[in-house]
Amino acid sequence: MLKNSKLKILLIEDDQIEVLKMKRAILKLEMNHQFMEAENGEIALKLLREKGELPDIIFLDLNMPKINGIEFLKILKSDDVLRYIPTIILTTSRNRKDVLDCYRVGVAGYILKPLKYDSYVEKIKRTLLYWSENEIIRA
């Protein structure tokens, strides 16, 4: 595995199976990234506003209770500090309107969750390698 920057990752996902899948993928890839999770947008906003150390990237599900992914993204991008955190949508939604809405608000990427686990792991690997090499603004 390439030696890249260690990332602080926040996964906002209400489905515990998806949370476990992400954790398992990171372990399988032997990437030593720091992992945080929030089960919905409200918890994530509280975590982001209270915690002194912000994540380097956010993986965000679209279909969540309380605050959906697009609503969360709008709140995030309107905040003078949080707006700089690259946010990647990780979803099953192939809805063109969702894709357009996310990019319009300022998402850094839109990843469709594949059905096959190995394909999922490969997408996560490529995404994490990409963001490990980028210059990330740490507010």
C-alpha atoms as a PDB file:
ATOM      1  CA  MET A   1       0.000   0.000   0.000  1.00  0.00           C
ATOM      2  CA  LEU A   2       1.273   3.475  -0.825  1.00  0.00           C
ATOM      3  CA  LYS A   3       2.255   5.682   2.065  1.00  0.00           C
ATOM      4  CA  ASN A   4      -0.107   8.626   1.874  1.00  0.00           C
ATOM      5  CA  SER A   5      -1.396  11.197   4.306  1.00  0.00           C
ATOM      6  CA  LYS A   6      -3.486   9.805   7.106  1.00  0.00           C
ATOM      7  CA  LEU A   7      -7.033  11.107   6.687  1.00  0.00           C
ATOM      8  CA  LYS A   8      -9.679  11.834   9.260  1.00  0.00           C
ATOM      9  CA  ILE A   9     -12.854  10.403   7.706  1.00  0.00           C
ATOM     10  CA  LEU A  10     -16.417  11.117   8.788  1.00  0.00           C
ATOM     11  CA  LEU A  11     -19.079   8.747   7.493  1.00  0.00           C
ATOM     12  CA  ILE A  12     -22.655   9.998   7.820  1.00  0.00           C
ATOM     13  CA  GLU A  13     -24.824   6.935   7.353  1.00  0.00           C
ATOM     14  CA  ASP A  14     -27.952   5.664   9.116  1.00  0.00           C
ATOM     15  CA  ASP A  15     -27.620   2.037   7.967  1.00  0.00           C
ATOM     16  CA  GLN A  16     -25.325   0.129  10.345  1.00  0.00           C
ATOM     17  CA  ILE A  17     -24.605  -2.506   7.683  1.00  0.00           C
ATOM     18  CA  GLU A  18     -23.184   0.255   5.459  1.00  0.00           C
ATOM     19  CA  VAL A  19     -21.116   1.601   8.367  1.00  0.00           C
ATOM     20  CA  LEU A  20     -19.667  -1.869   8.975  1.00  0.00           C
ATOM     21  CA  LYS A  21     -19.008  -2.279   5.255  1.00  0.00           C
ATOM     22  CA  MET A  22     -16.981   0.969   5.191  1.00  0.00           C
ATOM     23  CA  LYS A  23     -15.010   0.007   8.316  1.00  0.00           C
ATOM     24  CA  ARG A  24     -14.314  -3.440   6.860  1.00  0.00           C
ATOM     25  CA  ALA A  25     -13.179  -1.934   3.547  1.00  0.00           C
ATOM     26  CA  ILE A  26     -10.724   0.407   5.274  1.00  0.00           C
ATOM     27  CA  LEU A  27      -9.354  -2.493   7.349  1.00  0.00           C
ATOM     28  CA  LYS A  28      -9.051  -4.684   4.271  1.00  0.00           C
ATOM     29  CA  LEU A  29      -7.143  -1.946   2.449  1.00  0.00           C
ATOM     30  CA  GLU A  30      -4.795  -1.603   5.426  1.00  0.00           C
ATOM     31  CA  MET A  31      -5.203   2.154   5.336  1.00  0.00           C
ATOM     32  CA  ASN A  32      -4.492   3.660   8.702  1.00  0.00           C
ATOM     33  CA  HIS A  33      -7.079   6.426   8.469  1.00  0.00           C
ATOM     34  CA  GLN A  34      -8.949   7.779  11.469  1.00  0.00           C
ATOM     35  CA  PHE A  35     -12.656   6.919  11.218  1.00  0.00           C
ATOM     36  CA  MET A  36     -15.631   8.702  12.779  1.00  0.00           C
ATOM     37  CA  GLU A  37     -19.296   8.075  12.185  1.00  0.00           C
ATOM     38  CA  ALA A  38     -22.635   9.796  12.651  1.00  0.00           C
ATOM     39  CA  GLU A  39     -25.970   8.103  12.069  1.00  0.00           C
ATOM     40  CA  ASN A  40     -27.677  11.225  10.714  1.00  0.00           C
ATOM     41  CA  GLY A  41     -27.104  14.814   9.687  1.00  0.00           C
ATOM     42  CA  GLU A  42     -28.157  16.317  13.032  1.00  0.00           C
ATOM     43  CA  ILE A  43     -25.608  14.234  14.937  1.00  0.00           C
ATOM     44  CA  ALA A  44     -22.960  15.016  12.320  1.00  0.00           C
ATOM     45  CA  LEU A  45     -23.538  18.775  12.578  1.00  0.00           C
ATOM     46  CA  LYS A  46     -23.319  18.609  16.364  1.00  0.00           C
ATOM     47  CA  LEU A  47     -20.089  16.603  16.087  1.00  0.00           C
ATOM     48  CA  LEU A  48     -18.617  19.029  13.548  1.00  0.00           C
ATOM     49  CA  ARG A  49     -19.537  22.121  15.552  1.00  0.00           C
ATOM     50  CA  GLU A  50     -18.428  20.794  18.946  1.00  0.00           C
ATOM     51  CA  LYS A  51     -15.319  18.850  18.071  1.00  0.00           C
ATOM     52  CA  GLY A  52     -12.082  20.788  17.863  1.00  0.00           C
ATOM     53  CA  GLU A  53     -10.581  18.555  15.187  1.00  0.00           C
ATOM     54  CA  LEU A  54     -12.523  18.439  11.912  1.00  0.00           C
ATOM     55  CA  PRO A  55     -12.487  15.556   9.437  1.00  0.00           C
ATOM     56  CA  ASP A  56     -10.475  15.841   6.237  1.00  0.00           C
ATOM     57  CA  ILE A  57     -13.261  14.282   4.154  1.00  0.00           C
ATOM     58  CA  ILE A  58     -16.896  13.351   4.637  1.00  0.00           C
ATOM     59  CA  PHE A  59     -18.731  10.429   3.058  1.00  0.00           C
ATOM     60  CA  LEU A  60     -22.432  11.269   3.057  1.00  0.00           C
ATOM     61  CA  ASP A  61     -25.483   9.133   2.384  1.00  0.00           C
ATOM     62  CA  LEU A  62     -28.394  10.909   0.684  1.00  0.00           C
ATOM     63  CA  ASN A  63     -31.350   9.026   2.131  1.00  0.00           C
ATOM     64  CA  MET A  64     -31.357   9.628   5.863  1.00  0.00           C
ATOM     65  CA  PRO A  65     -33.942  10.559   8.489  1.00  0.00           C
ATOM     66  CA  LYS A  66     -34.230  14.056  10.020  1.00  0.00           C
ATOM     67  CA  ILE A  67     -31.874  15.866   7.617  1.00  0.00           C
ATOM     68  CA  ASN A  68     -31.367  14.244   4.221  1.00  0.00           C
ATOM     69  CA  GLY A  69     -28.009  14.376   2.478  1.00  0.00           C
ATOM     70  CA  ILE A  70     -28.773  17.368   0.255  1.00  0.00           C
ATOM     71  CA  GLU A  71     -30.153  19.388   3.188  1.00  0.00           C
ATOM     72  CA  PHE A  72     -27.036  18.505   5.196  1.00  0.00           C
ATOM     73  CA  LEU A  73     -24.818  19.528   2.284  1.00  0.00           C
ATOM     74  CA  LYS A  74     -26.570  22.928   2.030  1.00  0.00           C
ATOM     75  CA  ILE A  75     -26.029  23.568   5.749  1.00  0.00           C
ATOM     76  CA  LEU A  76     -22.387  22.460   5.501  1.00  0.00           C
ATOM     77  CA  LYS A  77     -21.635  24.642   2.477  1.00  0.00           C
ATOM     78  CA  SER A  78     -23.213  27.719   4.100  1.00  0.00           C
ATOM     79  CA  ASP A  79     -20.838  27.491   7.086  1.00  0.00           C
ATOM     80  CA  ASP A  80     -17.656  29.600   6.785  1.00  0.00           C
ATOM     81  CA  VAL A  81     -15.447  26.859   8.299  1.00  0.00           C
ATOM     82  CA  LEU A  82     -17.175  23.597   7.363  1.00  0.00           C
ATOM     83  CA  ARG A  83     -17.665  24.493   3.679  1.00  0.00           C
ATOM     84  CA  TYR A  84     -14.063  23.526   2.902  1.00  0.00           C
ATOM     85  CA  ILE A  85     -14.400  19.885   3.954  1.00  0.00           C
ATOM     86  CA  PRO A  86     -14.583  17.762   0.779  1.00  0.00           C
ATOM     87  CA  THR A  87     -17.868  15.889   0.889  1.00  0.00           C
ATOM     88  CA  ILE A  88     -18.434  12.788  -1.198  1.00  0.00           C
ATOM     89  CA  ILE A  89     -21.907  11.377  -1.672  1.00  0.00           C
ATOM     90  CA  LEU A  90     -21.988   7.597  -1.191  1.00  0.00           C
ATOM     91  CA  THR A  91     -25.419   6.389  -2.234  1.00  0.00           C
ATOM     92  CA  THR A  92     -27.542   3.942  -4.185  1.00  0.00           C
ATOM     93  CA  SER A  93     -29.491   6.787  -5.837  1.00  0.00           C
ATOM     94  CA  ARG A  94     -29.036   6.950  -9.605  1.00  0.00           C
ATOM     95  CA  ASN A  95     -31.560   9.800  -9.765  1.00  0.00           C
ATOM     96  CA  ARG A  96     -30.193  12.470 -12.116  1.00  0.00           C
ATOM     97  CA  LYS A  97     -31.880  15.216 -10.084  1.00  0.00           C
ATOM     98  CA  ASP A  98     -29.994  14.062  -6.965  1.00  0.00           C
ATOM     99  CA  VAL A  99     -26.679  14.142  -8.832  1.00  0.00           C
ATOM    100  CA  LEU A 100     -27.349  17.624 -10.234  1.00  0.00           C
ATOM    101  CA  ASP A 101     -28.568  18.967  -6.885  1.00  0.00           C
ATOM    102  CA  CYS A 102     -25.469  17.671  -5.106  1.00  0.00           C
ATOM    103  CA  TYR A 103     -23.036  19.189  -7.599  1.00  0.00           C
ATOM    104  CA  ARG A 104     -25.004  22.445  -7.634  1.00  0.00           C
ATOM    105  CA  VAL A 105     -24.596  22.734  -3.849  1.00  0.00           C
ATOM    106  CA  GLY A 106     -20.895  21.891  -3.996  1.00  0.00           C
ATOM    107  CA  VAL A 107     -20.245  18.194  -3.479  1.00  0.00           C
ATOM    108  CA  ALA A 108     -16.697  16.955  -4.180  1.00  0.00           C
ATOM    109  CA  GLY A 109     -17.869  13.648  -5.677  1.00  0.00           C
ATOM    110  CA  TYR A 110     -20.844  11.351  -6.193  1.00  0.00           C
ATOM    111  CA  ILE A 111     -20.197   7.620  -5.808  1.00  0.00           C
ATOM    112  CA  LEU A 112     -22.791   4.951  -6.482  1.00  0.00           C
ATOM    113  CA  LYS A 113     -22.602   2.027  -4.078  1.00  0.00           C
ATOM    114  CA  PRO A 114     -21.989  -1.041  -6.213  1.00  0.00           C
ATOM    115  CA  LEU A 115     -23.724  -4.331  -5.444  1.00  0.00           C
ATOM    116  CA  LYS A 116     -20.515  -6.352  -5.268  1.00  0.00           C
ATOM    117  CA  TYR A 117     -18.363  -5.897  -2.171  1.00  0.00           C
ATOM    118  CA  ASP A 118     -15.071  -6.060  -4.102  1.00  0.00           C
ATOM    119  CA  SER A 119     -16.247  -3.239  -6.373  1.00  0.00           C
ATOM    120  CA  TYR A 120     -17.198  -1.210  -3.302  1.00  0.00           C
ATOM    121  CA  VAL A 121     -13.747  -1.745  -1.767  1.00  0.00           C
ATOM    122  CA  GLU A 122     -12.084  -0.660  -5.029  1.00  0.00           C
ATOM    123  CA  LYS A 123     -14.142   2.551  -5.185  1.00  0.00           C
ATOM    124  CA  ILE A 124     -13.321   3.381  -1.563  1.00  0.00           C
ATOM    125  CA  LYS A 125      -9.627   2.639  -2.195  1.00  0.00           C
ATOM    126  CA  ARG A 126      -9.437   4.939  -5.232  1.00  0.00           C
ATOM    127  CA  THR A 127     -11.304   7.698  -3.416  1.00  0.00           C
ATOM    128  CA  LEU A 128      -9.128   7.541  -0.309  1.00  0.00           C
ATOM    129  CA  LEU A 129      -5.914   7.413  -2.352  1.00  0.00           C
ATOM    130  CA  TYR A 130      -7.060  10.446  -4.332  1.00  0.00           C
ATOM    131  CA  TRP A 131      -7.860  12.503  -1.237  1.00  0.00           C
ATOM    132  CA  SER A 132      -4.668  11.329   0.503  1.00  0.00           C
ATOM    133  CA  GLU A 133      -2.679  12.969  -2.287  1.00  0.00           C
ATOM    134  CA  ASN A 134      -4.676  16.221  -2.413  1.00  0.00           C
ATOM    135  CA  GLU A 135      -3.838  19.380  -0.558  1.00  0.00           C
ATOM    136  CA  ILE A 136      -6.684  19.605   1.921  1.00  0.00           C
ATOM    137  CA  ILE A 137      -7.613  22.864   3.595  1.00  0.00           C
ATOM    138  CA  ARG A 138      -7.639  22.356   7.327  1.00  0.00           C
ATOM    139  CA  ALA A 139      -9.691  25.165   8.843  1.00  0.00           C
END
